[in-house]
Amino acid sequence: MGEARQIQCICRNNRYNPNYRITHVGGIEADGKRWKLTQREAIQGIETGKWRFYVSVDDQCNWIVIAFNTFGELYLKTENDVNEPNNLLNLPECP
């Protein structure tokens, strides 16, 4: 199983569809160093088993999963989100 990383921020574009809005995810390592990955890099890391990602919502760990939109394109969302990556979209913008 891959290294668990908490996603604490995202970068978004101005696209209307929430499944296309997230461009990057990021967080802070235990040593205080910031990290940031494109959504595609994060998806590849999950697919290869390099990483597992989660967000903390109301002190609950919500694991990130890979989802498919209606066109079969991949995007990230939490297990608890239904159709849109709301838990991720509620995170602050990465610096």
Protein backbone atom coordinates (compact mmCIF):
# COMPACT_ATOMS: atom_id res chain seq x y z
CA MET A 1 0.00 0.00 0.00
CA GLY A 2 1.29 3.45 -0.90
CA GLU A 3 2.39 6.32 1.29
CA ALA A 4 -0.59 8.19 2.76
CA ARG A 5 -0.61 11.93 2.02
CA GLN A 6 -3.14 14.46 3.21
CA ILE A 7 -4.42 16.83 0.54
CA GLN A 8 -4.76 20.23 2.19
CA CYS A 9 -5.16 22.54 -0.80
CA ILE A 10 -6.00 22.53 -4.49
CA CYS A 11 -5.45 24.67 -7.57
CA ARG A 12 -8.53 25.22 -9.67
CA ASN A 13 -9.36 26.68 -13.03
CA ASN A 14 -12.52 28.56 -13.97
CA ARG A 15 -14.28 25.72 -15.77
CA TYR A 16 -17.96 25.31 -14.98
CA ASN A 17 -18.00 21.52 -14.61
CA PRO A 18 -16.65 20.61 -11.14
CA ASN A 19 -15.08 17.39 -12.48
CA TYR A 20 -12.74 19.52 -14.61
CA ARG A 21 -12.11 22.31 -12.10
CA ILE A 22 -9.21 20.83 -10.08
CA THR A 23 -5.81 21.10 -11.77
CA HIS A 24 -3.45 20.37 -8.83
CA VAL A 25 -3.58 18.99 -5.31
CA GLY A 26 -1.12 19.78 -2.56
CA GLY A 27 -0.23 19.61 1.09
CA ILE A 28 2.52 19.89 3.66
CA GLU A 29 5.00 17.14 4.54
CA ALA A 30 5.83 16.28 8.15
CA ASP A 31 9.03 18.35 7.83
CA GLY A 32 7.01 21.42 6.79
CA LYS A 33 7.94 21.25 3.10
CA ARG A 34 5.07 21.94 0.68
CA TRP A 35 4.24 19.53 -2.12
CA LYS A 36 2.01 19.93 -5.16
CA LEU A 37 1.06 17.49 -7.93
CA THR A 38 -1.05 17.81 -11.03
CA GLN A 39 -4.29 15.88 -10.82
CA ARG A 40 -2.89 13.49 -13.46
CA GLU A 41 0.28 12.88 -11.39
CA ALA A 42 -1.87 12.14 -8.32
CA ILE A 43 -4.03 9.73 -10.32
CA GLN A 44 -0.95 7.95 -11.65
CA GLY A 45 0.45 7.72 -8.12
CA ILE A 46 -2.76 6.07 -6.92
CA GLU A 47 -2.88 3.72 -9.90
CA THR A 48 0.71 2.56 -9.38
CA GLY A 49 0.32 2.23 -5.60
CA LYS A 50 2.89 4.93 -4.87
CA TRP A 51 0.48 7.09 -2.87
CA ARG A 52 -2.87 7.08 -1.11
CA PHE A 53 -4.49 10.45 -0.58
CA TYR A 54 -7.05 11.66 1.91
CA VAL A 55 -8.68 14.85 3.12
CA SER A 56 -9.80 15.61 6.64
CA VAL A 57 -13.43 16.73 6.86
CA ASP A 58 -14.89 17.38 10.33
CA ASP A 59 -11.95 15.46 11.81
CA GLN A 60 -12.85 12.43 9.67
CA CYS A 61 -10.44 10.85 7.20
CA ASN A 62 -12.01 10.78 3.72
CA TRP A 63 -9.99 8.70 1.26
CA ILE A 64 -9.51 9.90 -2.29
CA VAL A 65 -10.66 7.66 -5.13
CA ILE A 66 -10.37 7.86 -8.89
CA ALA A 67 -13.70 8.52 -10.60
CA PHE A 68 -14.83 8.68 -14.22
CA ASN A 69 -16.94 11.46 -15.69
CA THR A 70 -19.59 10.88 -18.37
CA PHE A 71 -16.88 11.03 -21.06
CA GLY A 72 -14.76 8.37 -19.33
CA GLU A 73 -12.12 10.87 -18.20
CA LEU A 74 -10.48 10.40 -14.80
CA TYR A 75 -10.72 12.82 -11.91
CA LEU A 76 -10.26 12.72 -8.11
CA LYS A 77 -12.97 12.81 -5.44
CA THR A 78 -13.46 11.44 -1.95
CA GLU A 79 -15.29 8.19 -1.28
CA ASN A 80 -18.04 10.21 0.43
CA ASP A 81 -18.69 12.50 -2.54
CA VAL A 82 -21.45 11.35 -4.88
CA ASN A 83 -20.92 12.88 -8.34
CA GLU A 84 -18.76 15.93 -7.71
CA PRO A 85 -15.45 16.38 -5.85
CA ASN A 86 -17.06 18.64 -3.22
CA ASN A 87 -14.73 17.74 -0.35
CA LEU A 88 -11.75 18.64 -2.53
CA LEU A 89 -13.37 21.77 -3.99
CA ASN A 90 -13.98 23.05 -0.45
CA LEU A 91 -10.24 23.10 0.27
CA PRO A 92 -8.30 26.37 0.07
CA GLU A 93 -6.24 27.37 -2.94
CA CYS A 94 -2.61 26.21 -2.86
CA PRO A 95 -0.01 28.97 -2.58
